[in-house]
């Protein structure tokens, strides 16, 4: 079952917006974003994504910009065949997501996971709204066992 194959920690490899009308692609967090998602056996999902090159914020304006350059949310998830992942969000950096169902369509191939959002309306560089898909690629984190660590 896919739910069992999703369990564990995943590391972000790419985050791309693709404009539906034009096919134009952009990387909102740059070419090497940072991030982790976690699927727990109890049904909890957690996601955190940021640009990898964020400077240390020193002013209030820089702190606000740092907050705007992240994605963070968590909630209970479910799988709806054939390839729909739905997270009922109970905490998020973006208040309108709290209480919502965030839908992603997934492709799972071994240790590679691709998630595609439902269409999203976002402001574009020309000041108008554009409808985009978010395409996010992940790789399963390898479990490293340190024999020097005490058992938990």
N, C-alpha and C. Protein backbone atom coordinates (compact mmCIF):
# COMPACT_ATOMS: atom_id res chain seq x y z
N UNK A 1 0.84 -1.19 0.00
CA UNK A 1 0.00 0.00 0.00
C UNK A 1 0.89 1.25 0.00
N UNK A 2 0.49 2.29 -0.75
CA UNK A 2 1.29 3.50 -0.85
C UNK A 2 1.49 4.19 0.48
N UNK A 3 0.50 4.13 1.38
CA UNK A 3 0.66 4.80 2.67
C UNK A 3 1.90 4.27 3.39
N UNK A 4 2.09 2.97 3.39
CA UNK A 4 3.27 2.39 4.04
C UNK A 4 4.55 2.81 3.33
N UNK A 5 4.51 2.94 2.02
CA UNK A 5 5.70 3.33 1.26
C UNK A 5 6.04 4.81 1.44
N UNK A 6 5.07 5.63 1.87
CA UNK A 6 5.33 7.05 2.11
C UNK A 6 5.94 7.32 3.49
N UNK A 7 5.77 6.39 4.42
CA UNK A 7 6.21 6.62 5.80
C UNK A 7 7.69 6.99 5.87
N UNK A 8 7.99 7.95 6.74
CA UNK A 8 9.38 8.33 6.97
C UNK A 8 9.63 9.78 6.60
N UNK A 9 10.92 10.10 6.51
CA UNK A 9 11.38 11.47 6.24
C UNK A 9 11.86 11.58 4.80
N UNK A 10 11.57 12.73 4.21
CA UNK A 10 11.93 13.00 2.82
C UNK A 10 12.63 14.35 2.75
N UNK A 11 13.64 14.46 1.89
CA UNK A 11 14.42 15.69 1.72
C UNK A 11 14.05 16.35 0.40
N UNK A 12 13.85 17.66 0.45
CA UNK A 12 13.46 18.43 -0.72
C UNK A 12 14.58 18.47 -1.76
N UNK A 13 14.22 18.20 -3.01
CA UNK A 13 15.17 18.27 -4.13
C UNK A 13 14.86 19.43 -5.06
N UNK A 14 13.58 19.72 -5.30
CA UNK A 14 13.23 20.86 -6.15
C UNK A 14 11.82 21.33 -5.84
N UNK A 15 11.60 22.63 -6.08
CA UNK A 15 10.31 23.27 -5.86
C UNK A 15 10.12 24.24 -7.01
N UNK A 16 9.12 23.96 -7.86
CA UNK A 16 8.92 24.72 -9.09
C UNK A 16 7.45 25.10 -9.21
N UNK A 17 7.21 26.36 -9.60
CA UNK A 17 5.87 26.78 -10.02
C UNK A 17 5.83 26.70 -11.54
N UNK A 18 4.77 26.11 -12.07
CA UNK A 18 4.57 26.06 -13.51
C UNK A 18 3.26 26.76 -13.85
N UNK A 19 3.36 27.83 -14.64
CA UNK A 19 2.18 28.60 -15.03
C UNK A 19 1.37 27.77 -16.03
N UNK A 20 0.09 27.58 -15.74
CA UNK A 20 -0.75 26.71 -16.55
C UNK A 20 -0.90 27.23 -17.98
N UNK A 21 -1.17 28.53 -18.15
CA UNK A 21 -1.43 29.07 -19.49
C UNK A 21 -0.21 29.08 -20.39
N UNK A 22 0.99 29.31 -19.81
CA UNK A 22 2.18 29.49 -20.64
C UNK A 22 3.20 28.37 -20.52
N UNK A 23 3.12 27.56 -19.46
CA UNK A 23 4.13 26.54 -19.23
C UNK A 23 5.41 27.11 -18.63
N UNK A 24 5.43 28.44 -18.38
CA UNK A 24 6.61 29.07 -17.79
C UNK A 24 6.87 28.47 -16.41
N UNK A 25 8.16 28.21 -16.14
CA UNK A 25 8.56 27.61 -14.86
C UNK A 25 9.43 28.58 -14.07
N UNK A 26 9.23 28.61 -12.75
CA UNK A 26 10.07 29.42 -11.88
C UNK A 26 10.38 28.63 -10.62
N UNK A 27 11.49 28.99 -9.99
CA UNK A 27 11.92 28.34 -8.76
C UNK A 27 11.82 29.36 -7.62
N UNK A 28 10.70 29.40 -6.91
CA UNK A 28 10.51 30.45 -5.90
C UNK A 28 11.52 30.41 -4.76
N UNK A 29 12.12 29.25 -4.50
CA UNK A 29 13.12 29.13 -3.44
C UNK A 29 14.51 28.87 -4.00
N UNK A 30 14.72 29.17 -5.29
CA UNK A 30 16.03 29.00 -5.91
C UNK A 30 16.28 27.57 -6.38
N UNK A 31 17.47 27.38 -6.92
CA UNK A 31 17.84 26.10 -7.53
C UNK A 31 18.10 25.00 -6.50
N UNK A 32 18.40 25.37 -5.27
CA UNK A 32 18.73 24.38 -4.23
C UNK A 32 17.95 24.64 -2.95
N UNK A 33 16.63 24.47 -2.98
CA UNK A 33 15.85 24.75 -1.77
C UNK A 33 16.15 23.73 -0.66
N UNK A 34 15.80 24.11 0.55
CA UNK A 34 15.95 23.21 1.71
C UNK A 34 14.56 22.83 2.19
N UNK A 35 14.42 21.60 2.65
CA UNK A 35 13.13 21.21 3.19
C UNK A 35 13.06 19.77 3.60
N UNK A 36 12.07 19.49 4.42
CA UNK A 36 11.80 18.15 4.91
C UNK A 36 10.30 17.96 5.00
N UNK A 37 9.85 16.78 4.62
CA UNK A 37 8.50 16.36 4.95
C UNK A 37 8.58 15.06 5.72
N UNK A 38 7.58 14.83 6.53
CA UNK A 38 7.54 13.63 7.36
C UNK A 38 6.13 13.04 7.30
N UNK A 39 6.06 11.77 6.98
CA UNK A 39 4.81 11.02 7.08
C UNK A 39 4.98 10.05 8.24
N UNK A 40 4.15 10.21 9.27
CA UNK A 40 4.23 9.34 10.44
C UNK A 40 3.15 8.26 10.35
N UNK A 41 3.43 7.12 10.95
CA UNK A 41 2.49 5.99 10.90
C UNK A 41 1.15 6.31 11.56
N UNK A 42 1.13 7.29 12.48
CA UNK A 42 -0.14 7.64 13.14
C UNK A 42 -1.01 8.56 12.30
N UNK A 43 -0.55 8.90 11.07
CA UNK A 43 -1.35 9.72 10.17
C UNK A 43 -1.00 11.20 10.19
N UNK A 44 0.08 11.57 10.86
CA UNK A 44 0.52 12.96 10.92
C UNK A 44 1.48 13.25 9.77
N UNK A 45 1.29 14.41 9.13
CA UNK A 45 2.16 14.91 8.08
C UNK A 45 2.73 16.24 8.54
N UNK A 46 3.99 16.50 8.20
CA UNK A 46 4.64 17.77 8.52
C UNK A 46 5.49 18.18 7.32
N UNK A 47 5.48 19.46 6.98
CA UNK A 47 6.31 19.98 5.90
C UNK A 47 6.95 21.30 6.30
N UNK A 48 8.22 21.46 5.92
CA UNK A 48 8.94 22.71 6.09
C UNK A 48 9.85 22.90 4.88
N UNK A 49 9.70 24.04 4.19
CA UNK A 49 10.51 24.33 3.01
C UNK A 49 10.97 25.78 3.08
N UNK A 50 12.25 26.02 2.72
CA UNK A 50 12.81 27.37 2.68
C UNK A 50 13.83 27.45 1.54
N UNK A 51 14.15 28.67 1.11
CA UNK A 51 15.31 28.80 0.23
C UNK A 51 16.56 28.41 1.01
N UNK A 52 17.56 27.87 0.34
CA UNK A 52 18.77 27.44 1.06
C UNK A 52 19.70 28.61 1.37
N UNK A 53 19.53 29.72 0.68
CA UNK A 53 20.47 30.83 0.83
C UNK A 53 19.88 32.02 1.58
N UNK A 54 18.99 31.76 2.52
CA UNK A 54 18.38 32.87 3.27
C UNK A 54 19.42 33.51 4.18
N UNK A 55 19.56 34.85 4.10
CA UNK A 55 20.50 35.51 5.01
C UNK A 55 19.92 35.60 6.41
N UNK A 56 20.78 35.76 7.38
CA UNK A 56 20.35 35.95 8.76
C UNK A 56 19.62 37.28 8.85
N UNK A 57 18.33 37.28 9.25
CA UNK A 57 17.60 38.54 9.31
C UNK A 57 18.08 39.40 10.49
N UNK A 58 18.34 40.68 10.19
CA UNK A 58 18.84 41.60 11.22
C UNK A 58 17.88 42.73 11.52
N UNK A 59 16.95 42.98 10.63
CA UNK A 59 15.97 44.05 10.84
C UNK A 59 14.57 43.45 10.84
N UNK A 60 13.59 44.24 11.26
CA UNK A 60 12.20 43.77 11.21
C UNK A 60 11.77 43.45 9.79
N UNK A 61 12.19 44.28 8.83
CA UNK A 61 11.83 44.03 7.42
C UNK A 61 12.44 42.72 6.93
N UNK A 62 13.69 42.45 7.33
CA UNK A 62 14.34 41.19 6.94
C UNK A 62 13.67 40.00 7.62
N UNK A 63 13.22 40.18 8.86
CA UNK A 63 12.50 39.11 9.56
C UNK A 63 11.19 38.81 8.84
N UNK A 64 10.48 39.84 8.41
CA UNK A 64 9.23 39.65 7.68
C UNK A 64 9.49 38.94 6.36
N UNK A 65 10.55 39.33 5.67
CA UNK A 65 10.89 38.69 4.40
C UNK A 65 11.26 37.22 4.61
N UNK A 66 11.97 36.93 5.69
CA UNK A 66 12.33 35.53 5.99
C UNK A 66 11.07 34.70 6.24
N UNK A 67 10.12 35.27 6.96
CA UNK A 67 8.87 34.56 7.24
C UNK A 67 8.10 34.30 5.95
N UNK A 68 8.13 35.26 5.02
CA UNK A 68 7.41 35.10 3.76
C UNK A 68 8.10 34.11 2.82
N UNK A 69 9.36 33.79 3.08
CA UNK A 69 10.08 32.86 2.20
C UNK A 69 10.18 31.47 2.83
N UNK A 70 9.06 31.00 3.33
CA UNK A 70 9.02 29.64 3.84
C UNK A 70 7.62 29.07 3.65
N UNK A 71 7.56 27.75 3.73
CA UNK A 71 6.29 27.02 3.76
C UNK A 71 6.39 26.07 4.94
N UNK A 72 5.41 26.10 5.83
CA UNK A 72 5.41 25.21 6.99
C UNK A 72 3.97 24.89 7.37
N UNK A 73 3.66 23.62 7.42
CA UNK A 73 2.32 23.22 7.85
C UNK A 73 2.33 21.77 8.29
N UNK A 74 1.27 21.40 9.02
CA UNK A 74 1.14 20.04 9.51
C UNK A 74 -0.35 19.71 9.66
N UNK A 75 -0.64 18.43 9.64
CA UNK A 75 -2.01 17.98 9.83
C UNK A 75 -2.11 16.48 9.62
N UNK A 76 -3.33 16.01 9.67
CA UNK A 76 -3.61 14.59 9.44
C UNK A 76 -3.71 14.37 7.93
N UNK A 77 -3.12 13.28 7.46
CA UNK A 77 -3.16 13.03 6.02
C UNK A 77 -3.91 11.73 5.72
N UNK A 78 -4.39 11.67 4.48
CA UNK A 78 -5.01 10.45 4.00
C UNK A 78 -4.68 10.28 2.52
N UNK A 79 -4.71 9.05 2.07
CA UNK A 79 -4.48 8.72 0.67
C UNK A 79 -5.83 8.38 0.05
N UNK A 80 -6.13 9.00 -1.09
CA UNK A 80 -7.34 8.69 -1.84
C UNK A 80 -6.91 8.15 -3.20
N UNK A 81 -7.19 6.87 -3.47
CA UNK A 81 -6.77 6.28 -4.74
C UNK A 81 -7.31 7.06 -5.93
N UNK A 82 -6.59 7.11 -7.04
CA UNK A 82 -5.36 6.34 -7.20
C UNK A 82 -4.11 7.06 -6.73
N UNK A 83 -4.08 8.41 -6.68
CA UNK A 83 -2.82 9.10 -6.37
C UNK A 83 -3.03 10.46 -5.69
N UNK A 84 -4.05 10.56 -4.89
CA UNK A 84 -4.37 11.82 -4.22
C UNK A 84 -3.94 11.75 -2.76
N UNK A 85 -3.15 12.75 -2.35
CA UNK A 85 -2.72 12.90 -0.96
C UNK A 85 -3.44 14.12 -0.42
N UNK A 86 -4.21 13.95 0.64
CA UNK A 86 -4.97 15.06 1.22
C UNK A 86 -4.52 15.25 2.66
N UNK A 87 -4.08 16.48 2.97
CA UNK A 87 -3.70 16.81 4.34
C UNK A 87 -4.72 17.79 4.89
N UNK A 88 -5.37 17.41 6.00
CA UNK A 88 -6.27 18.34 6.70
C UNK A 88 -5.40 19.13 7.65
N UNK A 89 -5.16 20.40 7.33
CA UNK A 89 -4.18 21.24 8.01
C UNK A 89 -4.74 21.72 9.35
N UNK A 90 -3.95 21.50 10.42
CA UNK A 90 -4.37 22.01 11.73
C UNK A 90 -3.41 23.05 12.28
N UNK A 91 -2.26 23.26 11.61
CA UNK A 91 -1.35 24.35 11.97
C UNK A 91 -0.57 24.71 10.71
N UNK A 92 -0.35 26.03 10.51
CA UNK A 92 0.35 26.47 9.30
C UNK A 92 0.91 27.87 9.48
N UNK A 93 1.97 28.16 8.74
CA UNK A 93 2.53 29.52 8.72
C UNK A 93 1.58 30.49 8.03
N UNK A 94 0.68 29.97 7.21
CA UNK A 94 -0.26 30.77 6.42
C UNK A 94 -1.65 30.52 6.98
N UNK A 95 -2.19 31.45 7.80
CA UNK A 95 -3.44 31.20 8.53
C UNK A 95 -4.62 30.70 7.68
N UNK A 96 -4.81 31.15 6.43
CA UNK A 96 -5.95 30.64 5.67
C UNK A 96 -5.92 29.12 5.41
N UNK A 97 -4.74 28.50 5.53
CA UNK A 97 -4.67 27.05 5.32
C UNK A 97 -5.21 26.27 6.51
N UNK A 98 -5.20 26.86 7.72
CA UNK A 98 -5.65 26.13 8.91
C UNK A 98 -7.13 25.77 8.74
N UNK A 99 -7.42 24.49 8.92
CA UNK A 99 -8.78 23.98 8.73
C UNK A 99 -9.08 23.55 7.31
N UNK A 100 -8.15 23.79 6.38
CA UNK A 100 -8.39 23.42 4.97
C UNK A 100 -7.81 22.05 4.66
N UNK A 101 -8.27 21.50 3.55
CA UNK A 101 -7.67 20.29 2.99
C UNK A 101 -6.74 20.70 1.87
N UNK A 102 -5.46 20.39 2.03
CA UNK A 102 -4.47 20.66 0.99
C UNK A 102 -4.30 19.39 0.16
N UNK A 103 -4.59 19.51 -1.13
CA UNK A 103 -4.58 18.34 -2.02
C UNK A 103 -3.32 18.36 -2.87
N UNK A 104 -2.64 17.23 -2.91
CA UNK A 104 -1.49 17.02 -3.78
C UNK A 104 -1.71 15.71 -4.52
N UNK A 105 -1.18 15.65 -5.73
CA UNK A 105 -1.20 14.41 -6.51
C UNK A 105 0.22 13.88 -6.51
N UNK A 106 0.38 12.60 -6.19
CA UNK A 106 1.72 12.08 -6.00
C UNK A 106 2.07 10.99 -7.00
N UNK A 107 3.38 10.92 -7.24
CA UNK A 107 3.98 9.81 -7.99
C UNK A 107 5.11 9.31 -7.11
N UNK A 108 5.10 8.03 -6.82
CA UNK A 108 6.08 7.43 -5.93
C UNK A 108 6.85 6.37 -6.71
N UNK A 109 8.16 6.57 -6.80
CA UNK A 109 9.02 5.64 -7.54
C UNK A 109 10.23 5.33 -6.68
N UNK A 110 10.16 4.24 -5.93
CA UNK A 110 11.25 3.87 -5.03
C UNK A 110 11.46 4.93 -3.97
N UNK A 111 12.66 5.54 -3.97
CA UNK A 111 13.00 6.57 -2.99
C UNK A 111 12.76 7.98 -3.52
N UNK A 112 11.99 8.11 -4.60
CA UNK A 112 11.67 9.42 -5.18
C UNK A 112 10.17 9.66 -5.10
N UNK A 113 9.80 10.85 -4.64
CA UNK A 113 8.41 11.23 -4.49
C UNK A 113 8.20 12.58 -5.17
N UNK A 114 7.25 12.64 -6.08
CA UNK A 114 6.89 13.91 -6.72
C UNK A 114 5.47 14.26 -6.30
N UNK A 115 5.28 15.52 -5.88
CA UNK A 115 3.98 16.02 -5.49
C UNK A 115 3.62 17.19 -6.41
N UNK A 116 2.38 17.20 -6.87
CA UNK A 116 1.88 18.30 -7.71
C UNK A 116 0.61 18.82 -7.05
N UNK A 117 0.54 20.12 -6.89
CA UNK A 117 -0.63 20.73 -6.25
C UNK A 117 -1.81 20.77 -7.21
N UNK A 118 -2.97 20.99 -6.64
CA UNK A 118 -4.11 21.43 -7.44
C UNK A 118 -3.76 22.83 -7.93
N UNK A 119 -4.45 23.37 -8.95
CA UNK A 119 -4.13 24.72 -9.42
C UNK A 119 -4.22 25.76 -8.30
N UNK A 120 -3.23 26.67 -8.28
CA UNK A 120 -3.15 27.74 -7.28
C UNK A 120 -3.17 29.08 -7.99
N UNK A 121 -3.85 30.07 -7.41
CA UNK A 121 -3.84 31.44 -7.96
C UNK A 121 -2.82 32.25 -7.16
N UNK A 122 -1.81 32.77 -7.86
CA UNK A 122 -0.74 33.53 -7.22
C UNK A 122 -0.50 34.83 -7.96
N UNK A 123 0.00 35.85 -7.27
CA UNK A 123 0.37 37.08 -7.98
C UNK A 123 1.58 36.81 -8.87
N UNK A 124 1.60 37.39 -10.07
CA UNK A 124 2.72 37.22 -10.97
C UNK A 124 3.59 38.47 -10.97
N UNK A 125 4.71 38.41 -11.67
CA UNK A 125 5.66 39.52 -11.68
C UNK A 125 5.07 40.78 -12.31
N UNK A 126 4.05 40.65 -13.16
CA UNK A 126 3.44 41.84 -13.78
C UNK A 126 2.29 42.41 -12.95
N UNK A 127 2.09 41.86 -11.74
CA UNK A 127 1.07 42.39 -10.85
C UNK A 127 -0.29 41.74 -10.99
N UNK A 128 -0.46 40.91 -12.02
CA UNK A 128 -1.73 40.19 -12.21
C UNK A 128 -1.62 38.82 -11.56
N UNK A 129 -2.75 38.15 -11.41
CA UNK A 129 -2.73 36.80 -10.88
C UNK A 129 -2.45 35.81 -12.00
N UNK A 130 -1.78 34.73 -11.64
CA UNK A 130 -1.53 33.64 -12.58
C UNK A 130 -1.96 32.35 -11.90
N UNK A 131 -2.42 31.39 -12.68
CA UNK A 131 -2.77 30.08 -12.15
C UNK A 131 -1.60 29.15 -12.42
N UNK A 132 -1.11 28.52 -11.34
CA UNK A 132 0.08 27.68 -11.44
C UNK A 132 -0.16 26.34 -10.75
N UNK A 133 0.69 25.38 -11.10
CA UNK A 133 0.85 24.15 -10.34
C UNK A 133 2.16 24.29 -9.57
N UNK A 134 2.19 23.83 -8.34
CA UNK A 134 3.45 23.68 -7.61
C UNK A 134 3.90 22.24 -7.82
N UNK A 135 5.13 22.08 -8.30
CA UNK A 135 5.72 20.75 -8.51
C UNK A 135 6.89 20.62 -7.54
N UNK A 136 6.80 19.65 -6.64
CA UNK A 136 7.80 19.50 -5.59
C UNK A 136 8.33 18.07 -5.62
N UNK A 137 9.66 17.95 -5.68
CA UNK A 137 10.30 16.63 -5.74
C UNK A 137 11.08 16.37 -4.46
N UNK A 138 10.99 15.15 -3.98
CA UNK A 138 11.58 14.74 -2.72
C UNK A 138 12.37 13.45 -2.90
N UNK A 139 13.37 13.24 -2.04
CA UNK A 139 14.09 11.97 -1.98
C UNK A 139 14.04 11.47 -0.54
N UNK A 140 13.79 10.17 -0.41
CA UNK A 140 13.71 9.57 0.94
C UNK A 140 15.06 9.74 1.64
N UNK A 141 15.00 10.15 2.91
CA UNK A 141 16.22 10.23 3.72
C UNK A 141 16.69 8.82 4.03
N UNK A 142 17.97 8.62 3.91
CA UNK A 142 18.56 7.33 4.26
C UNK A 142 18.70 7.25 5.78
N UNK A 143 18.34 6.13 6.33
CA UNK A 143 18.46 5.93 7.76
C UNK A 143 19.91 5.59 8.07
N UNK A 144 20.51 6.36 8.97
CA UNK A 144 21.88 6.11 9.39
C UNK A 144 21.84 5.62 10.82
N UNK A 145 22.40 4.45 11.04
CA UNK A 145 22.43 3.89 12.37
C UNK A 145 23.81 4.12 12.95
N UNK A 146 23.86 4.79 14.08
CA UNK A 146 25.11 5.08 14.78
C UNK A 146 25.21 4.10 15.93
N UNK A 147 26.13 3.13 15.82
CA UNK A 147 26.25 2.09 16.84
C UNK A 147 26.66 2.66 18.20
N UNK A 148 27.22 3.87 18.22
CA UNK A 148 27.67 4.47 19.49
C UNK A 148 26.49 5.08 20.26
N UNK A 149 25.36 5.27 19.61
CA UNK A 149 24.22 5.87 20.28
C UNK A 149 23.49 4.83 21.11
N UNK A 150 23.01 5.24 22.28
CA UNK A 150 22.23 4.29 23.10
C UNK A 150 20.91 3.99 22.42
N UNK A 151 20.38 2.81 22.61
CA UNK A 151 19.06 2.50 22.02
C UNK A 151 17.98 3.37 22.63
N UNK A 152 16.95 3.65 21.84
CA UNK A 152 15.83 4.47 22.34
C UNK A 152 14.63 3.62 22.57
